[in-house]
C-alpha atoms as a PDB file:
ATOM      1  CA  MET A   1     -93.078 -13.337 -38.616  1.00  0.00           C
ATOM      2  CA  MET A   2     -95.587 -10.714 -39.749  1.00  0.00           C
ATOM      3  CA  ASN A   3     -98.715 -11.618 -41.640  1.00  0.00           C
ATOM      4  CA  SER A   4     -99.539  -9.752 -44.843  1.00  0.00           C
ATOM      5  CA  LEU A   5    -101.926  -7.254 -43.198  1.00  0.00           C
ATOM      6  CA  GLU A   6     -99.392  -6.359 -40.507  1.00  0.00           C
ATOM      7  CA  MET A   7     -96.739  -5.926 -43.186  1.00  0.00           C
ATOM      8  CA  ALA A   8     -98.974  -3.650 -45.286  1.00  0.00           C
ATOM      9  CA  LEU A   9     -99.825  -1.518 -42.237  1.00  0.00           C
ATOM     10  CA  GLU A  10     -96.148  -1.224 -41.330  1.00  0.00           C
ATOM     11  CA  VAL A  11     -95.373  -0.067 -44.876  1.00  0.00           C
ATOM     12  CA  VAL A  12     -98.149   2.539 -44.646  1.00  0.00           C
ATOM     13  CA  LYS A  13     -96.830   3.822 -41.296  1.00  0.00           C
ATOM     14  CA  THR A  14     -93.300   4.090 -42.657  1.00  0.00           C
ATOM     15  CA  LEU A  15     -94.420   5.916 -45.795  1.00  0.00           C
ATOM     16  CA  ASP A  16     -96.470   8.315 -43.692  1.00  0.00           C
ATOM     17  CA  ALA A  17     -93.478   9.017 -41.448  1.00  0.00           C
ATOM     18  CA  LYS A  18     -91.435   9.859 -44.548  1.00  0.00           C
ATOM     19  CA  LYS A  19     -94.155  12.338 -45.668  1.00  0.00           C
ATOM     20  CA  ALA A  20     -95.527  10.347 -48.589  1.00  0.00           C
ATOM     21  CA  VAL A  21     -98.920  11.568 -49.783  1.00  0.00           C
ATOM     22  CA  SER A  22    -102.050   9.821 -51.038  1.00  0.00           C
ATOM     23  CA  ILE A  23    -101.049   6.543 -49.405  1.00  0.00           C
ATOM     24  CA  ARG A  24    -103.372   3.668 -50.265  1.00  0.00           C
ATOM     25  CA  ALA A  25    -103.254   0.027 -49.193  1.00  0.00           C
ATOM     26  CA  LEU A  26    -105.346  -2.040 -51.560  1.00  0.00           C
ATOM     27  CA  GLN A  27    -106.441  -5.540 -50.602  1.00  0.00           C
ATOM     28  CA  THR A  28    -105.710  -7.675 -53.659  1.00  0.00           C
ATOM     29  CA  GLY A  29    -105.712 -11.198 -52.238  1.00  0.00           C
ATOM     30  CA  GLY A  30    -109.057 -12.073 -53.801  1.00  0.00           C
ATOM     31  CA  VAL A  31    -108.064 -10.679 -57.195  1.00  0.00           C
ATOM     32  CA  THR A  32    -104.527 -11.944 -57.721  1.00  0.00           C
ATOM     33  CA  SER A  33    -102.169 -14.518 -56.286  1.00  0.00           C
ATOM     34  CA  VAL A  34     -99.203 -12.134 -56.612  1.00  0.00           C
ATOM     35  CA  ALA A  35     -99.890 -10.198 -53.395  1.00  0.00           C
ATOM     36  CA  ASP A  36    -102.433  -9.884 -50.596  1.00  0.00           C
ATOM     37  CA  TYR A  37    -101.983  -6.093 -50.413  1.00  0.00           C
ATOM     38  CA  PHE A  38    -100.606  -3.489 -52.777  1.00  0.00           C
ATOM     39  CA  VAL A  39     -99.438  -0.202 -51.253  1.00  0.00           C
ATOM     40  CA  ILE A  40     -99.117   2.886 -53.434  1.00  0.00           C
ATOM     41  CA  CYS A  41     -98.300   6.505 -52.671  1.00  0.00           C
ATOM     42  CA  SER A  42     -97.144   9.766 -54.198  1.00  0.00           C
ATOM     43  CA  ALA A  43     -94.324  12.139 -53.356  1.00  0.00           C
ATOM     44  CA  GLN A  44     -93.763  15.838 -53.878  1.00  0.00           C
ATOM     45  CA  SER A  45     -90.362  15.616 -55.579  1.00  0.00           C
ATOM     46  CA  ASN A  46     -87.842  13.229 -57.102  1.00  0.00           C
ATOM     47  CA  THR A  47     -85.712  13.639 -53.991  1.00  0.00           C
ATOM     48  CA  GLN A  48     -88.589  12.507 -51.808  1.00  0.00           C
ATOM     49  CA  VAL A  49     -89.249   9.512 -54.064  1.00  0.00           C
ATOM     50  CA  LYS A  50     -85.613   8.511 -53.645  1.00  0.00           C
ATOM     51  CA  ALA A  51     -85.862   8.888 -49.865  1.00  0.00           C
ATOM     52  CA  LEU A  52     -88.978   6.716 -49.791  1.00  0.00           C
ATOM     53  CA  THR A  53     -87.462   3.928 -51.867  1.00  0.00           C
ATOM     54  CA  GLU A  54     -84.103   3.927 -50.112  1.00  0.00           C
ATOM     55  CA  ASN A  55     -85.578   3.865 -46.629  1.00  0.00           C
ATOM     56  CA  HIS A  56     -83.911   1.374 -44.300  1.00  0.00           C
ATOM     57  CA  PHE A  57     -87.300  -0.283 -43.769  1.00  0.00           C
ATOM     58  CA  PHE A  58     -87.539  -1.277 -47.412  1.00  0.00           C
ATOM     59  CA  THR A  59     -83.998  -2.534 -47.783  1.00  0.00           C
ATOM     60  CA  THR A  60     -83.696  -4.783 -44.736  1.00  0.00           C
ATOM     61  CA  GLU A  61     -86.648  -6.581 -43.143  1.00  0.00           C
ATOM     62  CA  PHE A  62     -88.738  -6.861 -46.311  1.00  0.00           C
ATOM     63  CA  ASN A  63     -85.956  -7.071 -48.874  1.00  0.00           C
ATOM     64  CA  SER A  64     -87.361 -10.276 -50.307  1.00  0.00           C
ATOM     65  CA  CYS A  65     -90.942  -8.959 -50.405  1.00  0.00           C
ATOM     66  CA  ILE A  66     -90.733  -5.388 -51.683  1.00  0.00           C
ATOM     67  CA  HIS A  67     -89.162  -4.315 -54.955  1.00  0.00           C
ATOM     68  CA  ASN A  68     -88.742  -0.886 -56.535  1.00  0.00           C
ATOM     69  CA  VAL A  69     -90.513  -0.530 -59.838  1.00  0.00           C
END
């Protein structure tokens, strides 16, 4: 099983591969008990946002950890 840092880095790599922009992984473990890391990014179009959120990576291995907002 992956630890939280490995999971955050995997999310960043996947977002980068899907051409997300301004990707940031923020360490939040000392600030909140909700998550150890919070990953945010931007996309160039609504179509790209949809591709990022529907990626196989997000809907299988981390289904219980990652939610679309």
